[in-house]
Amino acid sequence: MVAFGFAGAVSKGANAAWPLFGAGMLAFFPVLQALVGSFGAAAKSKGPKTGALYSKLAILLGVTWCAYPAIWAISEGGQR
């Protein structure tokens, strides 16, 4: 995910940057799946406080990363 993002940021032109950006976003879906699925279950098994804290942090990470495509399109992607 990070490698695709870096390659998209340093590439020249929209024909390379946008597909690389899209590949990076696709690579993030398994990360989100792990955050919600197996990691969440493991945190909840440690106790209710740990599970609640993990849920809050996972939501914060998810919201932040869902805002990233819009920010990238306005800044990096919009300059191509």
PDB file of N, CA and C in Angstrom:
ATOM      1  N   MET A   1       0.836  -1.179   0.000  1.00  0.00           N
ATOM      2  CA  MET A   1       0.000   0.000   0.000  1.00  0.00           C
ATOM      3  C   MET A   1       0.882   1.243   0.000  1.00  0.00           C
ATOM      4  N   VAL A   2       1.843   1.278   0.894  1.00  0.00           N
ATOM      5  CA  VAL A   2       2.733   2.434   0.987  1.00  0.00           C
ATOM      6  C   VAL A   2       3.600   2.550  -0.265  1.00  0.00           C
ATOM      7  N   ALA A   3       4.065   1.424  -0.772  1.00  0.00           N
ATOM      8  CA  ALA A   3       4.899   1.451  -1.979  1.00  0.00           C
ATOM      9  C   ALA A   3       4.127   1.989  -3.177  1.00  0.00           C
ATOM     10  N   PHE A   4       2.863   1.563  -3.338  1.00  0.00           N
ATOM     11  CA  PHE A   4       2.043   2.100  -4.420  1.00  0.00           C
ATOM     12  C   PHE A   4       1.817   3.605  -4.242  1.00  0.00           C
ATOM     13  N   GLY A   5       1.568   4.027  -3.019  1.00  0.00           N
ATOM     14  CA  GLY A   5       1.371   5.447  -2.749  1.00  0.00           C
ATOM     15  C   GLY A   5       2.604   6.265  -3.072  1.00  0.00           C
ATOM     16  N   PHE A   6       3.760   5.767  -2.686  1.00  0.00           N
ATOM     17  CA  PHE A   6       5.004   6.470  -2.990  1.00  0.00           C
ATOM     18  C   PHE A   6       5.242   6.533  -4.491  1.00  0.00           C
ATOM     19  N   ALA A   7       5.034   5.408  -5.168  1.00  0.00           N
ATOM     20  CA  ALA A   7       5.232   5.387  -6.621  1.00  0.00           C
ATOM     21  C   ALA A   7       4.282   6.358  -7.317  1.00  0.00           C
ATOM     22  N   GLY A   8       3.049   6.441  -6.843  1.00  0.00           N
ATOM     23  CA  GLY A   8       2.099   7.391  -7.424  1.00  0.00           C
ATOM     24  C   GLY A   8       2.488   8.830  -7.160  1.00  0.00           C
ATOM     25  N   ALA A   9       3.071   9.093  -6.001  1.00  0.00           N
ATOM     26  CA  ALA A   9       3.455  10.461  -5.659  1.00  0.00           C
ATOM     27  C   ALA A   9       4.649  10.941  -6.477  1.00  0.00           C
ATOM     28  N   VAL A  10       5.589  10.061  -6.775  1.00  0.00           N
ATOM     29  CA  VAL A  10       6.787  10.481  -7.503  1.00  0.00           C
ATOM     30  C   VAL A  10       6.664  10.305  -9.012  1.00  0.00           C
ATOM     31  N   SER A  11       5.592   9.673  -9.471  1.00  0.00           N
ATOM     32  CA  SER A  11       5.438   9.458 -10.905  1.00  0.00           C
ATOM     33  C   SER A  11       5.057  10.762 -11.597  1.00  0.00           C
ATOM     34  N   LYS A  12       5.328  10.792 -12.864  1.00  0.00           N
ATOM     35  CA  LYS A  12       5.007  11.958 -13.681  1.00  0.00           C
ATOM     36  C   LYS A  12       3.747  11.678 -14.482  1.00  0.00           C
ATOM     37  N   GLY A  13       2.769  12.529 -14.360  1.00  0.00           N
ATOM     38  CA  GLY A  13       1.573  12.414 -15.179  1.00  0.00           C
ATOM     39  C   GLY A  13       0.469  11.586 -14.542  1.00  0.00           C
ATOM     40  N   ALA A  14      -0.748  11.922 -14.938  1.00  0.00           N
ATOM     41  CA  ALA A  14      -1.936  11.277 -14.373  1.00  0.00           C
ATOM     42  C   ALA A  14      -2.081   9.834 -14.829  1.00  0.00           C
ATOM     43  N   ASN A  15      -1.536   9.487 -15.988  1.00  0.00           N
ATOM     44  CA  ASN A  15      -1.675   8.116 -16.488  1.00  0.00           C
ATOM     45  C   ASN A  15      -0.967   7.111 -15.605  1.00  0.00           C
ATOM     46  N   ALA A  16       0.015   7.533 -14.854  1.00  0.00           N
ATOM     47  CA  ALA A  16       0.705   6.643 -13.923  1.00  0.00           C
ATOM     48  C   ALA A  16       0.220   6.854 -12.493  1.00  0.00           C
ATOM     49  N   ALA A  17       0.002   8.098 -12.107  1.00  0.00           N
ATOM     50  CA  ALA A  17      -0.317   8.407 -10.708  1.00  0.00           C
ATOM     51  C   ALA A  17      -1.668   7.839 -10.280  1.00  0.00           C
ATOM     52  N   TRP A  18      -2.685   8.020 -11.071  1.00  0.00           N
ATOM     53  CA  TRP A  18      -4.028   7.567 -10.668  1.00  0.00           C
ATOM     54  C   TRP A  18      -4.138   6.052 -10.579  1.00  0.00           C
ATOM     55  N   PRO A  19      -3.619   5.286 -11.541  1.00  0.00           N
ATOM     56  CA  PRO A  19      -3.674   3.826 -11.376  1.00  0.00           C
ATOM     57  C   PRO A  19      -2.874   3.331 -10.166  1.00  0.00           C
ATOM     58  N   LEU A  20      -1.714   3.934  -9.925  1.00  0.00           N
ATOM     59  CA  LEU A  20      -0.932   3.541  -8.757  1.00  0.00           C
ATOM     60  C   LEU A  20      -1.663   3.899  -7.468  1.00  0.00           C
ATOM     61  N   PHE A  21      -2.303   5.040  -7.450  1.00  0.00           N
ATOM     62  CA  PHE A  21      -3.108   5.429  -6.296  1.00  0.00           C
ATOM     63  C   PHE A  21      -4.237   4.422  -6.066  1.00  0.00           C
ATOM     64  N   GLY A  22      -4.913   4.040  -7.148  1.00  0.00           N
ATOM     65  CA  GLY A  22      -5.989   3.062  -7.045  1.00  0.00           C
ATOM     66  C   GLY A  22      -5.489   1.715  -6.526  1.00  0.00           C
ATOM     67  N   ALA A  23      -4.328   1.295  -6.984  1.00  0.00           N
ATOM     68  CA  ALA A  23      -3.753   0.036  -6.498  1.00  0.00           C
ATOM     69  C   ALA A  23      -3.434   0.123  -5.010  1.00  0.00           C
ATOM     70  N   GLY A  24      -2.954   1.274  -4.574  1.00  0.00           N
ATOM     71  CA  GLY A  24      -2.692   1.468  -3.154  1.00  0.00           C
ATOM     72  C   GLY A  24      -3.954   1.407  -2.322  1.00  0.00           C
ATOM     73  N   MET A  25      -5.034   1.973  -2.838  1.00  0.00           N
ATOM     74  CA  MET A  25      -6.308   1.918  -2.113  1.00  0.00           C
ATOM     75  C   MET A  25      -6.842   0.485  -2.056  1.00  0.00           C
ATOM     76  N   LEU A  26      -6.683  -0.262  -3.140  1.00  0.00           N
ATOM     77  CA  LEU A  26      -7.107  -1.670  -3.131  1.00  0.00           C
ATOM     78  C   LEU A  26      -6.287  -2.485  -2.130  1.00  0.00           C
ATOM     79  N   ALA A  27      -5.013  -2.150  -2.009  1.00  0.00           N
ATOM     80  CA  ALA A  27      -4.157  -2.860  -1.053  1.00  0.00           C
ATOM     81  C   ALA A  27      -4.535  -2.541   0.388  1.00  0.00           C
ATOM     82  N   PHE A  28      -5.274  -1.463   0.614  1.00  0.00           N
ATOM     83  CA  PHE A  28      -5.672  -1.113   1.979  1.00  0.00           C
ATOM     84  C   PHE A  28      -6.879  -1.917   2.452  1.00  0.00           C
ATOM     85  N   PHE A  29      -7.669  -2.457   1.549  1.00  0.00           N
ATOM     86  CA  PHE A  29      -8.859  -3.209   1.962  1.00  0.00           C
ATOM     87  C   PHE A  29      -8.541  -4.407   2.851  1.00  0.00           C
ATOM     88  N   PRO A  30      -7.507  -5.202   2.571  1.00  0.00           N
ATOM     89  CA  PRO A  30      -7.180  -6.285   3.509  1.00  0.00           C
ATOM     90  C   PRO A  30      -6.775  -5.767   4.898  1.00  0.00           C
ATOM     91  N   VAL A  31      -6.154  -4.605   4.929  1.00  0.00           N
ATOM     92  CA  VAL A  31      -5.792  -4.011   6.225  1.00  0.00           C
ATOM     93  C   VAL A  31      -7.059  -3.661   7.001  1.00  0.00           C
ATOM     94  N   LEU A  32      -8.014  -3.030   6.331  1.00  0.00           N
ATOM     95  CA  LEU A  32      -9.282  -2.721   6.997  1.00  0.00           C
ATOM     96  C   LEU A  32     -10.008  -3.987   7.444  1.00  0.00           C
ATOM     97  N   GLN A  33      -9.969  -5.005   6.612  1.00  0.00           N
ATOM     98  CA  GLN A  33     -10.621  -6.263   6.967  1.00  0.00           C
ATOM     99  C   GLN A  33      -9.985  -6.864   8.218  1.00  0.00           C
ATOM    100  N   ALA A  34      -8.672  -6.817   8.316  1.00  0.00           N
ATOM    101  CA  ALA A  34      -7.992  -7.333   9.506  1.00  0.00           C
ATOM    102  C   ALA A  34      -8.314  -6.491  10.737  1.00  0.00           C
ATOM    103  N   LEU A  35      -8.381  -5.168  10.557  1.00  0.00           N
ATOM    104  CA  LEU A  35      -8.706  -4.286  11.683  1.00  0.00           C
ATOM    105  C   LEU A  35     -10.084  -4.590  12.244  1.00  0.00           C
ATOM    106  N   VAL A  36     -11.033  -4.799  11.363  1.00  0.00           N
ATOM    107  CA  VAL A  36     -12.411  -5.043  11.798  1.00  0.00           C
ATOM    108  C   VAL A  36     -12.593  -6.487  12.236  1.00  0.00           C
ATOM    109  N   GLY A  37     -11.960  -7.405  11.556  1.00  0.00           N
ATOM    110  CA  GLY A  37     -12.174  -8.822  11.802  1.00  0.00           C
ATOM    111  C   GLY A  37     -11.309  -9.396  12.907  1.00  0.00           C
ATOM    112  N   SER A  38     -10.215  -9.998  12.522  1.00  0.00           N
ATOM    113  CA  SER A  38      -9.409 -10.769  13.469  1.00  0.00           C
ATOM    114  C   SER A  38      -8.774  -9.919  14.565  1.00  0.00           C
ATOM    115  N   PHE A  39      -8.297  -8.734  14.236  1.00  0.00           N
ATOM    116  CA  PHE A  39      -7.689  -7.888  15.270  1.00  0.00           C
ATOM    117  C   PHE A  39      -8.735  -7.422  16.271  1.00  0.00           C
ATOM    118  N   GLY A  40      -9.909  -7.080  15.780  1.00  0.00           N
ATOM    119  CA  GLY A  40     -10.995  -6.656  16.657  1.00  0.00           C
ATOM    120  C   GLY A  40     -11.429  -7.766  17.590  1.00  0.00           C
ATOM    121  N   ALA A  41     -11.526  -8.973  17.065  1.00  0.00           N
ATOM    122  CA  ALA A  41     -11.909 -10.116  17.901  1.00  0.00           C
ATOM    123  C   ALA A  41     -10.854 -10.389  18.962  1.00  0.00           C
ATOM    124  N   ALA A  42      -9.591 -10.272  18.600  1.00  0.00           N
ATOM    125  CA  ALA A  42      -8.518 -10.489  19.570  1.00  0.00           C
ATOM    126  C   ALA A  42      -8.554  -9.435  20.671  1.00  0.00           C
ATOM    127  N   ALA A  43      -8.825  -8.191  20.317  1.00  0.00           N
ATOM    128  CA  ALA A  43      -8.899  -7.124  21.322  1.00  0.00           C
ATOM    129  C   ALA A  43     -10.079  -7.342  22.262  1.00  0.00           C
ATOM    130  N   LYS A  44     -11.210  -7.743  21.707  1.00  0.00           N
ATOM    131  CA  LYS A  44     -12.394  -7.966  22.533  1.00  0.00           C
ATOM    132  C   LYS A  44     -12.205  -9.152  23.479  1.00  0.00           C
ATOM    133  N   SER A  45     -11.389 -10.114  23.083  1.00  0.00           N
ATOM    134  CA  SER A  45     -11.150 -11.270  23.949  1.00  0.00           C
ATOM    135  C   SER A  45     -10.298 -10.908  25.162  1.00  0.00           C
ATOM    136  N   LYS A  46      -9.629  -9.766  25.120  1.00  0.00           N
ATOM    137  CA  LYS A  46      -8.797  -9.318  26.237  1.00  0.00           C
ATOM    138  C   LYS A  46      -9.614  -8.625  27.319  1.00  0.00           C
ATOM    139  N   GLY A  47     -10.854  -8.307  27.028  1.00  0.00           N
ATOM    140  CA  GLY A  47     -11.712  -7.667  28.013  1.00  0.00           C
ATOM    141  C   GLY A  47     -12.524  -6.552  27.391  1.00  0.00           C
ATOM    142  N   PRO A  48     -13.583  -6.110  28.087  1.00  0.00           N
ATOM    143  CA  PRO A  48     -14.465  -5.080  27.514  1.00  0.00           C
ATOM    144  C   PRO A  48     -13.784  -3.716  27.357  1.00  0.00           C
ATOM    145  N   LYS A  49     -12.919  -3.344  28.274  1.00  0.00           N
ATOM    146  CA  LYS A  49     -12.250  -2.039  28.149  1.00  0.00           C
ATOM    147  C   LYS A  49     -11.280  -2.039  26.967  1.00  0.00           C
ATOM    148  N   THR A  50     -10.548  -3.107  26.834  1.00  0.00           N
ATOM    149  CA  THR A  50      -9.606  -3.219  25.711  1.00  0.00           C
ATOM    150  C   THR A  50     -10.363  -3.242  24.384  1.00  0.00           C
ATOM    151  N   GLY A  51     -11.455  -3.980  24.346  1.00  0.00           N
ATOM    152  CA  GLY A  51     -12.261  -4.044  23.135  1.00  0.00           C
ATOM    153  C   GLY A  51     -12.854  -2.702  22.766  1.00  0.00           C
ATOM    154  N   ALA A  52     -13.320  -1.954  23.774  1.00  0.00           N
ATOM    155  CA  ALA A  52     -13.909  -0.632  23.517  1.00  0.00           C
ATOM    156  C   ALA A  52     -12.843   0.343  23.021  1.00  0.00           C
ATOM    157  N   LEU A  53     -11.669   0.324  23.632  1.00  0.00           N
ATOM    158  CA  LEU A  53     -10.587   1.207  23.192  1.00  0.00           C
ATOM    159  C   LEU A  53     -10.156   0.854  21.777  1.00  0.00           C
ATOM    160  N   TYR A  54     -10.015  -0.422  21.510  1.00  0.00           N
ATOM    161  CA  TYR A  54      -9.636  -0.845  20.166  1.00  0.00           C
ATOM    162  C   TYR A  54     -10.661  -0.391  19.135  1.00  0.00           C
ATOM    163  N   SER A  55     -11.932  -0.537  19.457  1.00  0.00           N
ATOM    164  CA  SER A  55     -12.983  -0.120  18.520  1.00  0.00           C
ATOM    165  C   SER A  55     -12.885   1.363  18.210  1.00  0.00           C
ATOM    166  N   LYS A  56     -12.654   2.182  19.219  1.00  0.00           N
ATOM    167  CA  LYS A  56     -12.521   3.629  18.994  1.00  0.00           C
ATOM    168  C   LYS A  56     -11.324   3.941  18.109  1.00  0.00           C
ATOM    169  N   LEU A  57     -10.197   3.293  18.386  1.00  0.00           N
ATOM    170  CA  LEU A  57      -8.999   3.542  17.597  1.00  0.00           C
ATOM    171  C   LEU A  57      -9.148   3.032  16.158  1.00  0.00           C
ATOM    172  N   ALA A  58      -9.815   1.902  15.989  1.00  0.00           N
ATOM    173  CA  ALA A  58     -10.031   1.368  14.643  1.00  0.00           C
ATOM    174  C   ALA A  58     -10.942   2.294  13.838  1.00  0.00           C
ATOM    175  N   ILE A  59     -11.954   2.852  14.477  1.00  0.00           N
ATOM    176  CA  ILE A  59     -12.847   3.799  13.792  1.00  0.00           C
ATOM    177  C   ILE A  59     -12.078   5.056  13.406  1.00  0.00           C
ATOM    178  N   LEU A  60     -11.252   5.565  14.312  1.00  0.00           N
ATOM    179  CA  LEU A  60     -10.442   6.746  14.015  1.00  0.00           C
ATOM    180  C   LEU A  60      -9.533   6.493  12.815  1.00  0.00           C
ATOM    181  N   LEU A  61      -8.876   5.343  12.799  1.00  0.00           N
ATOM    182  CA  LEU A  61      -8.006   5.005  11.679  1.00  0.00           C
ATOM    183  C   LEU A  61      -8.807   4.871  10.389  1.00  0.00           C
ATOM    184  N   GLY A  62      -9.946   4.200  10.457  1.00  0.00           N
ATOM    185  CA  GLY A  62     -10.776   4.021   9.264  1.00  0.00           C
ATOM    186  C   GLY A  62     -11.276   5.332   8.693  1.00  0.00           C
ATOM    187  N   VAL A  63     -11.736   6.233   9.550  1.00  0.00           N
ATOM    188  CA  VAL A  63     -12.231   7.538   9.092  1.00  0.00           C
ATOM    189  C   VAL A  63     -11.094   8.347   8.485  1.00  0.00           C
ATOM    190  N   THR A  64      -9.947   8.325   9.138  1.00  0.00           N
ATOM    191  CA  THR A  64      -8.791   9.063   8.620  1.00  0.00           C
ATOM    192  C   THR A  64      -8.393   8.552   7.244  1.00  0.00           C
ATOM    193  N   TRP A  65      -8.328   7.232   7.090  1.00  0.00           N
ATOM    194  CA  TRP A  65      -7.930   6.677   5.813  1.00  0.00           C
ATOM    195  C   TRP A  65      -9.001   6.815   4.750  1.00  0.00           C
ATOM    196  N   CYS A  66     -10.246   6.920   5.135  1.00  0.00           N
ATOM    197  CA  CYS A  66     -11.299   7.148   4.142  1.00  0.00           C
ATOM    198  C   CYS A  66     -11.292   8.591   3.650  1.00  0.00           C
ATOM    199  N   ALA A  67     -10.774   9.505   4.446  1.00  0.00           N
ATOM    200  CA  ALA A  67     -10.644  10.897   4.028  1.00  0.00           C
ATOM    201  C   ALA A  67      -9.438  11.084   3.109  1.00  0.00           C
ATOM    202  N   TYR A  68      -8.483  10.189   3.197  1.00  0.00           N
ATOM    203  CA  TYR A  68      -7.248  10.322   2.428  1.00  0.00           C
ATOM    204  C   TYR A  68      -7.468  10.407   0.914  1.00  0.00           C
ATOM    205  N   PRO A  69      -8.317   9.556   0.303  1.00  0.00           N
ATOM    206  CA  PRO A  69      -8.486   9.668  -1.156  1.00  0.00           C
ATOM    207  C   PRO A  69      -8.969  11.041  -1.607  1.00  0.00           C
ATOM    208  N   ALA A  70      -9.884  11.641  -0.860  1.00  0.00           N
ATOM    209  CA  ALA A  70     -10.374  12.974  -1.240  1.00  0.00           C
ATOM    210  C   ALA A  70      -9.263  14.010  -1.116  1.00  0.00           C
ATOM    211  N   ILE A  71      -8.501  13.924  -0.067  1.00  0.00           N
ATOM    212  CA  ILE A  71      -7.398  14.879   0.132  1.00  0.00           C
ATOM    213  C   ILE A  71      -6.348  14.702  -0.957  1.00  0.00           C
ATOM    214  N   TRP A  72      -6.015  13.449  -1.277  1.00  0.00           N
ATOM    215  CA  TRP A  72      -5.028  13.200  -2.316  1.00  0.00           C
ATOM    216  C   TRP A  72      -5.507  13.712  -3.667  1.00  0.00           C
ATOM    217  N   ALA A  73      -6.786  13.504  -3.977  1.00  0.00           N
ATOM    218  CA  ALA A  73      -7.315  13.927  -5.273  1.00  0.00           C
ATOM    219  C   ALA A  73      -7.262  15.446  -5.412  1.00  0.00           C
ATOM    220  N   ILE A  74      -7.470  16.160  -4.322  1.00  0.00           N
ATOM    221  CA  ILE A  74      -7.427  17.621  -4.369  1.00  0.00           C
ATOM    222  C   ILE A  74      -6.006  18.126  -4.478  1.00  0.00           C
ATOM    223  N   SER A  75      -5.088  17.511  -3.767  1.00  0.00           N
ATOM    224  CA  SER A  75      -3.702  18.012  -3.750  1.00  0.00           C
ATOM    225  C   SER A  75      -2.855  17.361  -4.837  1.00  0.00           C
ATOM    226  N   GLU A  76      -2.346  16.174  -4.587  1.00  0.00           N
ATOM    227  CA  GLU A  76      -1.455  15.501  -5.536  1.00  0.00           C
ATOM    228  C   GLU A  76      -2.142  15.165  -6.858  1.00  0.00           C
ATOM    229  N   GLY A  77      -3.278  14.514  -6.777  1.00  0.00           N
ATOM    230  CA  GLY A  77      -3.970  14.067  -7.990  1.00  0.00           C
ATOM    231  C   GLY A  77      -4.506  15.198  -8.838  1.00  0.00           C
ATOM    232  N   GLY A  78      -4.896  16.288  -8.216  1.00  0.00           N
ATOM    233  CA  GLY A  78      -5.438  17.417  -8.959  1.00  0.00           C
ATOM    234  C   GLY A  78      -4.394  18.232  -9.684  1.00  0.00           C
ATOM    235  N   GLN A  79      -3.136  18.051  -9.344  1.00  0.00           N
ATOM    236  CA  GLN A  79      -2.050  18.810  -9.969  1.00  0.00           C
ATOM    237  C   GLN A  79      -1.475  18.116 -11.186  1.00  0.00           C
ATOM    238  N   ARG A  80      -2.047  17.013 -11.570  1.00  0.00           N
ATOM    239  CA  ARG A  80      -1.480  16.223 -12.677  1.00  0.00           C
ATOM    240  C   ARG A  80      -2.137  16.588 -13.982  1.00  0.00           C
TER     241      ARG A  80
END
